[in-house]
Protein backbone atom coordinates (compact mmCIF):
# COMPACT_ATOMS: atom_id res chain seq x y z
CA UNK A 1 0.00 0.00 0.00
CA UNK A 2 2.79 2.38 0.98
CA UNK A 3 4.74 1.54 -2.20
CA UNK A 4 1.65 2.26 -4.34
CA UNK A 5 1.16 5.62 -2.61
CA UNK A 6 4.81 6.61 -3.08
CA UNK A 7 4.76 5.44 -6.70
CA UNK A 8 1.53 7.40 -7.36
CA UNK A 9 2.95 10.48 -5.65
CA UNK A 10 6.12 10.18 -7.71
CA UNK A 11 4.10 9.94 -10.93
CA UNK A 12 2.08 13.04 -9.95
CA UNK A 13 5.25 15.03 -9.31
CA UNK A 14 6.79 13.80 -12.58
CA UNK A 15 3.72 14.78 -14.56
CA UNK A 16 3.49 18.14 -12.80
CA UNK A 17 7.17 18.85 -13.45
CA UNK A 18 6.78 17.85 -17.10
CA UNK A 19 3.79 20.17 -17.40
CA UNK A 20 5.74 23.09 -15.97
CA UNK A 21 8.73 22.39 -18.21
CA UNK A 22 6.76 23.14 -21.37
CA UNK A 23 7.94 26.25 -23.16
CA UNK A 24 5.69 29.12 -24.14
CA UNK A 25 6.76 32.35 -25.79
CA UNK A 26 5.45 35.67 -26.98
CA UNK A 27 6.36 38.46 -29.31
CA UNK A 28 5.06 41.93 -30.07
CA UNK A 29 4.24 41.90 -33.78
CA UNK A 30 3.53 45.64 -33.94
CA UNK A 31 6.96 46.51 -32.56
CA UNK A 32 8.62 43.89 -34.77
CA UNK A 33 6.91 45.05 -37.96
CA UNK A 34 7.64 48.70 -37.22
CA UNK A 35 11.36 47.91 -37.38
CA UNK A 36 11.25 46.27 -40.82
CA UNK A 37 12.39 48.46 -43.71
CA UNK A 38 10.01 46.54 -45.99
CA UNK A 39 7.04 47.65 -43.90
CA UNK A 40 8.18 51.27 -44.02
CA UNK A 41 8.47 51.03 -47.81
CA UNK A 42 5.05 49.38 -48.08
CA UNK A 43 3.55 52.12 -45.89
CA UNK A 44 5.08 54.76 -48.16
CA UNK A 45 3.87 53.03 -51.34
CA UNK A 46 0.36 52.63 -49.95
CA UNK A 47 0.21 56.27 -48.88
CA UNK A 48 1.33 57.42 -52.36
CA UNK A 49 -1.30 55.19 -53.97
CA UNK A 50 -3.97 56.53 -51.61
CA UNK A 51 -2.96 60.13 -52.36
CA UNK A 52 -3.22 59.47 -56.07
CA UNK A 53 -6.71 57.97 -55.72
CA UNK A 54 -8.04 60.61 -53.32
CA UNK A 55 -6.73 63.45 -55.49
CA UNK A 56 -8.95 62.27 -58.34
CA UNK A 57 -11.90 61.99 -55.96
CA UNK A 58 -11.30 65.50 -54.63
CA UNK A 59 -11.21 66.85 -58.18
CA UNK A 60 -14.54 65.13 -58.89
CA UNK A 61 -16.10 66.69 -55.77
CA UNK A 62 -14.76 70.17 -56.57
CA UNK A 63 -16.10 69.93 -60.12
CA UNK A 64 -19.52 68.84 -58.82
CA UNK A 65 -19.58 71.70 -56.30
CA UNK A 66 -18.70 74.21 -59.02
CA UNK A 67 -21.43 72.88 -61.29
CA UNK A 68 -23.98 73.00 -58.45
CA UNK A 69 -22.98 76.56 -57.56
CA UNK A 70 -23.29 77.62 -61.19
CA UNK A 71 -26.71 75.97 -61.45
CA UNK A 72 -27.90 77.74 -58.28
CA UNK A 73 -26.54 81.04 -59.61
CA UNK A 74 -28.50 80.60 -62.85
CA UNK A 75 -31.64 79.81 -60.85
CA UNK A 76 -31.23 82.91 -58.67
CA UNK A 77 -30.65 85.12 -61.74
CA UNK A 78 -33.63 83.56 -63.48
CA UNK A 79 -31.57 82.61 -66.54
CA UNK A 80 -32.66 78.95 -66.48
CA UNK A 81 -36.12 77.48 -66.88
CA UNK A 82 -37.51 75.28 -64.09
CA UNK A 83 -37.49 72.28 -66.45
CA UNK A 84 -33.83 72.82 -67.42
CA UNK A 85 -32.96 73.38 -63.77
CA UNK A 86 -34.62 70.08 -62.83
CA UNK A 87 -32.82 68.22 -65.66
CA UNK A 88 -29.41 69.62 -64.69
CA UNK A 89 -30.06 69.00 -60.97
CA UNK A 90 -30.84 65.34 -61.75
CA UNK A 91 -27.60 65.10 -63.73
CA UNK A 92 -25.70 66.50 -60.74
CA UNK A 93 -27.37 63.92 -58.47
CA UNK A 94 -26.26 61.18 -60.87
CA UNK A 95 -22.72 62.62 -60.79
CA UNK A 96 -22.87 62.64 -56.99
CA UNK A 97 -23.83 58.95 -57.03
CA UNK A 98 -20.83 58.28 -59.31
CA UNK A 99 -18.60 59.96 -56.76
CA UNK A 100 -20.02 57.63 -54.08
CA UNK A 101 -19.27 54.65 -56.33
CA UNK A 102 -15.75 55.96 -56.89
CA UNK A 103 -15.27 56.29 -53.14
CA UNK A 104 -16.25 52.64 -52.68
CA UNK A 105 -13.91 51.69 -55.53
CA UNK A 106 -11.10 53.57 -53.76
CA UNK A 107 -11.64 51.54 -50.57
CA UNK A 108 -11.57 48.31 -52.56
CA UNK A 109 -8.42 49.30 -54.47
CA UNK A 110 -6.69 50.34 -51.23
CA UNK A 111 -7.58 47.04 -49.56
CA UNK A 112 -6.28 45.10 -52.55
CA UNK A 113 -3.07 47.14 -52.70
CA UNK A 114 -2.57 46.76 -48.92
CA UNK A 115 -2.86 42.99 -49.22
CA UNK A 116 -0.54 42.96 -52.24
CA UNK A 117 2.11 44.96 -50.36
CA UNK A 118 1.91 43.38 -46.91
CA UNK A 119 1.10 39.72 -47.61
CA UNK A 120 4.66 38.70 -48.58
CA UNK A 121 6.09 40.57 -45.60
CA UNK A 122 3.66 38.96 -43.15
CA UNK A 123 4.28 35.51 -44.65
CA UNK A 124 8.06 35.97 -44.22
CA UNK A 125 7.64 37.10 -40.60
CA UNK A 126 5.24 34.26 -39.84
CA UNK A 127 7.61 31.69 -41.33
CA UNK A 128 10.51 33.09 -39.29
CA UNK A 129 8.39 33.04 -36.12
CA UNK A 130 7.34 29.41 -36.72
CA UNK A 131 10.96 28.40 -37.42
CA UNK A 132 12.12 30.04 -34.18
CA UNK A 133 9.33 28.32 -32.23
CA UNK A 134 10.20 24.90 -33.63
CA UNK A 135 13.98 25.34 -33.31
CA UNK A 136 13.67 26.43 -29.67
CA UNK A 137 11.01 23.95 -28.60
CA UNK A 138 8.19 26.42 -27.93
CA UNK A 139 4.79 24.77 -27.83
CA UNK A 140 2.81 28.02 -27.97
CA UNK A 141 3.73 31.56 -29.07
CA UNK A 142 1.42 34.49 -28.40
CA UNK A 143 1.34 37.99 -29.86
CA UNK A 144 1.23 40.50 -27.01
CA UNK A 145 0.02 43.32 -29.24
CA UNK A 146 -3.13 41.46 -30.32
CA UNK A 147 -3.47 38.72 -27.67
CA UNK A 148 -3.65 36.13 -30.45
CA UNK A 149 -2.06 32.70 -30.57
CA UNK A 150 0.49 32.78 -33.41
CA UNK A 151 1.90 29.28 -33.20
CA UNK A 152 0.86 26.04 -31.58
CA UNK A 153 2.66 22.72 -31.67
CA UNK A 154 0.38 20.28 -33.50
CA UNK A 155 0.85 17.80 -30.64
CA UNK A 156 -1.30 20.10 -28.48
CA UNK A 157 -4.31 19.93 -30.85
CA UNK A 158 -7.21 18.27 -29.01
CA UNK A 159 -9.72 18.58 -31.86
CA UNK A 160 -9.84 14.84 -32.56
CA UNK A 161 -10.28 14.06 -28.86
CA UNK A 162 -13.25 16.43 -28.67
CA UNK A 163 -14.68 15.01 -31.90
CA UNK A 164 -14.42 11.51 -30.50
CA UNK A 165 -16.09 12.63 -27.26
CA UNK A 166 -18.95 14.08 -29.31
CA UNK A 167 -19.25 10.96 -31.44
CA UNK A 168 -17.98 12.60 -34.61
CA UNK A 169 -15.63 11.00 -37.10
CA UNK A 170 -12.01 11.61 -36.25
CA UNK A 171 -9.57 12.97 -38.84
CA UNK A 172 -6.39 10.95 -39.12
CA UNK A 173 -3.06 12.76 -39.41
CA UNK A 174 -2.02 13.29 -43.00
CA UNK A 175 -5.55 13.92 -44.27
CA UNK A 176 -8.67 11.86 -44.79
CA UNK A 177 -11.29 10.85 -42.21
C-alpha atoms as a PDB file:
ATOM      1  CA  UNK A   1       0.000   0.000   0.000  1.00  0.00           C
ATOM      2  CA  UNK A   2       2.785   2.380   0.978  1.00  0.00           C
ATOM      3  CA  UNK A   3       4.739   1.542  -2.204  1.00  0.00           C
ATOM      4  CA  UNK A   4       1.654   2.263  -4.337  1.00  0.00           C
ATOM      5  CA  UNK A   5       1.158   5.616  -2.606  1.00  0.00           C
ATOM      6  CA  UNK A   6       4.811   6.609  -3.076  1.00  0.00           C
ATOM      7  CA  UNK A   7       4.762   5.444  -6.695  1.00  0.00           C
ATOM      8  CA  UNK A   8       1.529   7.399  -7.358  1.00  0.00           C
ATOM      9  CA  UNK A   9       2.948  10.485  -5.654  1.00  0.00           C
ATOM     10  CA  UNK A  10       6.124  10.177  -7.709  1.00  0.00           C
ATOM     11  CA  UNK A  11       4.101   9.939 -10.933  1.00  0.00           C
ATOM     12  CA  UNK A  12       2.078  13.041  -9.950  1.00  0.00           C
ATOM     13  CA  UNK A  13       5.254  15.028  -9.313  1.00  0.00           C
ATOM     14  CA  UNK A  14       6.790  13.800 -12.576  1.00  0.00           C
ATOM     15  CA  UNK A  15       3.716  14.785 -14.560  1.00  0.00           C
ATOM     16  CA  UNK A  16       3.490  18.141 -12.803  1.00  0.00           C
ATOM     17  CA  UNK A  17       7.170  18.845 -13.445  1.00  0.00           C
ATOM     18  CA  UNK A  18       6.776  17.848 -17.104  1.00  0.00           C
ATOM     19  CA  UNK A  19       3.787  20.171 -17.400  1.00  0.00           C
ATOM     20  CA  UNK A  20       5.739  23.089 -15.969  1.00  0.00           C
ATOM     21  CA  UNK A  21       8.729  22.393 -18.207  1.00  0.00           C
ATOM     22  CA  UNK A  22       6.760  23.135 -21.366  1.00  0.00           C
ATOM     23  CA  UNK A  23       7.940  26.248 -23.159  1.00  0.00           C
ATOM     24  CA  UNK A  24       5.691  29.123 -24.139  1.00  0.00           C
ATOM     25  CA  UNK A  25       6.763  32.350 -25.792  1.00  0.00           C
ATOM     26  CA  UNK A  26       5.453  35.667 -26.976  1.00  0.00           C
ATOM     27  CA  UNK A  27       6.364  38.459 -29.314  1.00  0.00           C
ATOM     28  CA  UNK A  28       5.059  41.931 -30.066  1.00  0.00           C
ATOM     29  CA  UNK A  29       4.243  41.899 -33.778  1.00  0.00           C
ATOM     30  CA  UNK A  30       3.529  45.643 -33.937  1.00  0.00           C
ATOM     31  CA  UNK A  31       6.964  46.506 -32.564  1.00  0.00           C
ATOM     32  CA  UNK A  32       8.622  43.885 -34.767  1.00  0.00           C
ATOM     33  CA  UNK A  33       6.906  45.045 -37.957  1.00  0.00           C
ATOM     34  CA  UNK A  34       7.644  48.696 -37.219  1.00  0.00           C
ATOM     35  CA  UNK A  35      11.363  47.908 -37.384  1.00  0.00           C
ATOM     36  CA  UNK A  36      11.254  46.267 -40.823  1.00  0.00           C
ATOM     37  CA  UNK A  37      12.388  48.456 -43.712  1.00  0.00           C
ATOM     38  CA  UNK A  38      10.014  46.535 -45.994  1.00  0.00           C
ATOM     39  CA  UNK A  39       7.044  47.651 -43.902  1.00  0.00           C
ATOM     40  CA  UNK A  40       8.175  51.267 -44.018  1.00  0.00           C
ATOM     41  CA  UNK A  41       8.471  51.034 -47.810  1.00  0.00           C
ATOM     42  CA  UNK A  42       5.047  49.376 -48.085  1.00  0.00           C
ATOM     43  CA  UNK A  43       3.547  52.118 -45.886  1.00  0.00           C
ATOM     44  CA  UNK A  44       5.083  54.757 -48.163  1.00  0.00           C
ATOM     45  CA  UNK A  45       3.874  53.026 -51.337  1.00  0.00           C
ATOM     46  CA  UNK A  46       0.363  52.627 -49.946  1.00  0.00           C
ATOM     47  CA  UNK A  47       0.213  56.267 -48.882  1.00  0.00           C
ATOM     48  CA  UNK A  48       1.332  57.418 -52.358  1.00  0.00           C
ATOM     49  CA  UNK A  49      -1.303  55.186 -53.971  1.00  0.00           C
ATOM     50  CA  UNK A  50      -3.968  56.528 -51.609  1.00  0.00           C
ATOM     51  CA  UNK A  51      -2.961  60.127 -52.357  1.00  0.00           C
ATOM     52  CA  UNK A  52      -3.222  59.467 -56.074  1.00  0.00           C
ATOM     53  CA  UNK A  53      -6.714  57.974 -55.719  1.00  0.00           C
ATOM     54  CA  UNK A  54      -8.035  60.606 -53.325  1.00  0.00           C
ATOM     55  CA  UNK A  55      -6.729  63.452 -55.492  1.00  0.00           C
ATOM     56  CA  UNK A  56      -8.947  62.268 -58.341  1.00  0.00           C
ATOM     57  CA  UNK A  57     -11.898  61.992 -55.960  1.00  0.00           C
ATOM     58  CA  UNK A  58     -11.304  65.503 -54.634  1.00  0.00           C
ATOM     59  CA  UNK A  59     -11.212  66.850 -58.182  1.00  0.00           C
ATOM     60  CA  UNK A  60     -14.541  65.132 -58.892  1.00  0.00           C
ATOM     61  CA  UNK A  61     -16.103  66.686 -55.769  1.00  0.00           C
ATOM     62  CA  UNK A  62     -14.763  70.169 -56.570  1.00  0.00           C
ATOM     63  CA  UNK A  63     -16.103  69.927 -60.119  1.00  0.00           C
ATOM     64  CA  UNK A  64     -19.519  68.836 -58.823  1.00  0.00           C
ATOM     65  CA  UNK A  65     -19.582  71.696 -56.300  1.00  0.00           C
ATOM     66  CA  UNK A  66     -18.697  74.210 -59.017  1.00  0.00           C
ATOM     67  CA  UNK A  67     -21.433  72.876 -61.291  1.00  0.00           C
ATOM     68  CA  UNK A  68     -23.977  72.999 -58.450  1.00  0.00           C
ATOM     69  CA  UNK A  69     -22.982  76.561 -57.559  1.00  0.00           C
ATOM     70  CA  UNK A  70     -23.295  77.619 -61.195  1.00  0.00           C
ATOM     71  CA  UNK A  71     -26.711  75.973 -61.454  1.00  0.00           C
ATOM     72  CA  UNK A  72     -27.903  77.741 -58.284  1.00  0.00           C
ATOM     73  CA  UNK A  73     -26.537  81.042 -59.608  1.00  0.00           C
ATOM     74  CA  UNK A  74     -28.502  80.604 -62.855  1.00  0.00           C
ATOM     75  CA  UNK A  75     -31.643  79.810 -60.855  1.00  0.00           C
ATOM     76  CA  UNK A  76     -31.230  82.912 -58.667  1.00  0.00           C
ATOM     77  CA  UNK A  77     -30.649  85.115 -61.741  1.00  0.00           C
ATOM     78  CA  UNK A  78     -33.633  83.563 -63.483  1.00  0.00           C
ATOM     79  CA  UNK A  79     -31.571  82.609 -66.539  1.00  0.00           C
ATOM     80  CA  UNK A  80     -32.657  78.948 -66.477  1.00  0.00           C
ATOM     81  CA  UNK A  81     -36.116  77.482 -66.878  1.00  0.00           C
ATOM     82  CA  UNK A  82     -37.506  75.278 -64.090  1.00  0.00           C
ATOM     83  CA  UNK A  83     -37.490  72.284 -66.455  1.00  0.00           C
ATOM     84  CA  UNK A  84     -33.828  72.816 -67.424  1.00  0.00           C
ATOM     85  CA  UNK A  85     -32.963  73.375 -63.766  1.00  0.00           C
ATOM     86  CA  UNK A  86     -34.618  70.075 -62.828  1.00  0.00           C
ATOM     87  CA  UNK A  87     -32.825  68.221 -65.661  1.00  0.00           C
ATOM     88  CA  UNK A  88     -29.410  69.616 -64.692  1.00  0.00           C
ATOM     89  CA  UNK A  89     -30.064  68.997 -60.971  1.00  0.00           C
ATOM     90  CA  UNK A  90     -30.840  65.341 -61.747  1.00  0.00           C
ATOM     91  CA  UNK A  91     -27.602  65.097 -63.731  1.00  0.00           C
ATOM     92  CA  UNK A  92     -25.705  66.499 -60.736  1.00  0.00           C
ATOM     93  CA  UNK A  93     -27.367  63.918 -58.466  1.00  0.00           C
ATOM     94  CA  UNK A  94     -26.255  61.177 -60.870  1.00  0.00           C
ATOM     95  CA  UNK A  95     -22.725  62.619 -60.790  1.00  0.00           C
ATOM     96  CA  UNK A  96     -22.871  62.643 -56.988  1.00  0.00           C
ATOM     97  CA  UNK A  97     -23.832  58.950 -57.029  1.00  0.00           C
ATOM     98  CA  UNK A  98     -20.834  58.275 -59.306  1.00  0.00           C
ATOM     99  CA  UNK A  99     -18.601  59.959 -56.760  1.00  0.00           C
ATOM    100  CA  UNK A 100     -20.016  57.631 -54.084  1.00  0.00           C
ATOM    101  CA  UNK A 101     -19.269  54.654 -56.328  1.00  0.00           C
ATOM    102  CA  UNK A 102     -15.751  55.957 -56.894  1.00  0.00           C
ATOM    103  CA  UNK A 103     -15.269  56.291 -53.142  1.00  0.00           C
ATOM    104  CA  UNK A 104     -16.255  52.636 -52.681  1.00  0.00           C
ATOM    105  CA  UNK A 105     -13.908  51.695 -55.527  1.00  0.00           C
ATOM    106  CA  UNK A 106     -11.098  53.573 -53.764  1.00  0.00           C
ATOM    107  CA  UNK A 107     -11.644  51.540 -50.570  1.00  0.00           C
ATOM    108  CA  UNK A 108     -11.572  48.307 -52.559  1.00  0.00           C
ATOM    109  CA  UNK A 109      -8.424  49.305 -54.466  1.00  0.00           C
ATOM    110  CA  UNK A 110      -6.691  50.336 -51.231  1.00  0.00           C
ATOM    111  CA  UNK A 111      -7.585  47.041 -49.562  1.00  0.00           C
ATOM    112  CA  UNK A 112      -6.285  45.095 -52.551  1.00  0.00           C
ATOM    113  CA  UNK A 113      -3.073  47.144 -52.698  1.00  0.00           C
ATOM    114  CA  UNK A 114      -2.572  46.762 -48.920  1.00  0.00           C
ATOM    115  CA  UNK A 115      -2.861  42.986 -49.221  1.00  0.00           C
ATOM    116  CA  UNK A 116      -0.540  42.964 -52.237  1.00  0.00           C
ATOM    117  CA  UNK A 117       2.115  44.956 -50.359  1.00  0.00           C
ATOM    118  CA  UNK A 118       1.911  43.381 -46.908  1.00  0.00           C
ATOM    119  CA  UNK A 119       1.097  39.725 -47.610  1.00  0.00           C
ATOM    120  CA  UNK A 120       4.661  38.695 -48.584  1.00  0.00           C
ATOM    121  CA  UNK A 121       6.092  40.572 -45.596  1.00  0.00           C
ATOM    122  CA  UNK A 122       3.664  38.960 -43.145  1.00  0.00           C
ATOM    123  CA  UNK A 123       4.280  35.513 -44.648  1.00  0.00           C
ATOM    124  CA  UNK A 124       8.058  35.966 -44.218  1.00  0.00           C
ATOM    125  CA  UNK A 125       7.642  37.103 -40.599  1.00  0.00           C
ATOM    126  CA  UNK A 126       5.237  34.258 -39.843  1.00  0.00           C
ATOM    127  CA  UNK A 127       7.606  31.695 -41.330  1.00  0.00           C
ATOM    128  CA  UNK A 128      10.506  33.089 -39.290  1.00  0.00           C
ATOM    129  CA  UNK A 129       8.388  33.040 -36.118  1.00  0.00           C
ATOM    130  CA  UNK A 130       7.342  29.411 -36.722  1.00  0.00           C
ATOM    131  CA  UNK A 131      10.958  28.397 -37.425  1.00  0.00           C
ATOM    132  CA  UNK A 132      12.121  30.036 -34.184  1.00  0.00           C
ATOM    133  CA  UNK A 133       9.328  28.320 -32.235  1.00  0.00           C
ATOM    134  CA  UNK A 134      10.198  24.896 -33.633  1.00  0.00           C
ATOM    135  CA  UNK A 135      13.977  25.342 -33.310  1.00  0.00           C
ATOM    136  CA  UNK A 136      13.675  26.427 -29.670  1.00  0.00           C
ATOM    137  CA  UNK A 137      11.006  23.950 -28.603  1.00  0.00           C
ATOM    138  CA  UNK A 138       8.191  26.417 -27.932  1.00  0.00           C
ATOM    139  CA  UNK A 139       4.786  24.772 -27.832  1.00  0.00           C
ATOM    140  CA  UNK A 140       2.809  28.023 -27.973  1.00  0.00           C
ATOM    141  CA  UNK A 141       3.728  31.556 -29.074  1.00  0.00           C
ATOM    142  CA  UNK A 142       1.415  34.487 -28.396  1.00  0.00           C
ATOM    143  CA  UNK A 143       1.336  37.990 -29.864  1.00  0.00           C
ATOM    144  CA  UNK A 144       1.230  40.499 -27.011  1.00  0.00           C
ATOM    145  CA  UNK A 145       0.019  43.321 -29.241  1.00  0.00           C
ATOM    146  CA  UNK A 146      -3.128  41.456 -30.318  1.00  0.00           C
ATOM    147  CA  UNK A 147      -3.465  38.718 -27.668  1.00  0.00           C
ATOM    148  CA  UNK A 148      -3.646  36.129 -30.451  1.00  0.00           C
ATOM    149  CA  UNK A 149      -2.060  32.699 -30.573  1.00  0.00           C
ATOM    150  CA  UNK A 150       0.495  32.784 -33.410  1.00  0.00           C
ATOM    151  CA  UNK A 151       1.899  29.285 -33.205  1.00  0.00           C
ATOM    152  CA  UNK A 152       0.863  26.038 -31.581  1.00  0.00           C
ATOM    153  CA  UNK A 153       2.662  22.722 -31.675  1.00  0.00           C
ATOM    154  CA  UNK A 154       0.382  20.278 -33.496  1.00  0.00           C
ATOM    155  CA  UNK A 155       0.845  17.803 -30.635  1.00  0.00           C
ATOM    156  CA  UNK A 156      -1.300  20.103 -28.477  1.00  0.00           C
ATOM    157  CA  UNK A 157      -4.309  19.933 -30.845  1.00  0.00           C
ATOM    158  CA  UNK A 158      -7.210  18.268 -29.012  1.00  0.00           C
ATOM    159  CA  UNK A 159      -9.719  18.585 -31.864  1.00  0.00           C
ATOM    160  CA  UNK A 160      -9.843  14.840 -32.562  1.00  0.00           C
ATOM    161  CA  UNK A 161     -10.276  14.064 -28.855  1.00  0.00           C
ATOM    162  CA  UNK A 162     -13.248  16.434 -28.666  1.00  0.00           C
ATOM    163  CA  UNK A 163     -14.682  15.014 -31.904  1.00  0.00           C
ATOM    164  CA  UNK A 164     -14.422  11.506 -30.496  1.00  0.00           C
ATOM    165  CA  UNK A 165     -16.085  12.627 -27.259  1.00  0.00           C
ATOM    166  CA  UNK A 166     -18.951  14.079 -29.306  1.00  0.00           C
ATOM    167  CA  UNK A 167     -19.254  10.959 -31.437  1.00  0.00           C
ATOM    168  CA  UNK A 168     -17.985  12.599 -34.611  1.00  0.00           C
ATOM    169  CA  UNK A 169     -15.633  10.997 -37.101  1.00  0.00           C
ATOM    170  CA  UNK A 170     -12.010  11.611 -36.252  1.00  0.00           C
ATOM    171  CA  UNK A 171      -9.567  12.966 -38.844  1.00  0.00           C
ATOM    172  CA  UNK A 172      -6.393  10.949 -39.118  1.00  0.00           C
ATOM    173  CA  UNK A 173      -3.062  12.755 -39.407  1.00  0.00           C
ATOM    174  CA  UNK A 174      -2.022  13.293 -43.004  1.00  0.00           C
ATOM    175  CA  UNK A 175      -5.554  13.922 -44.273  1.00  0.00           C
ATOM    176  CA  UNK A 176      -8.670  11.858 -44.786  1.00  0.00           C
ATOM    177  CA  UNK A 177     -11.290  10.850 -42.213  1.00  0.00           C
END
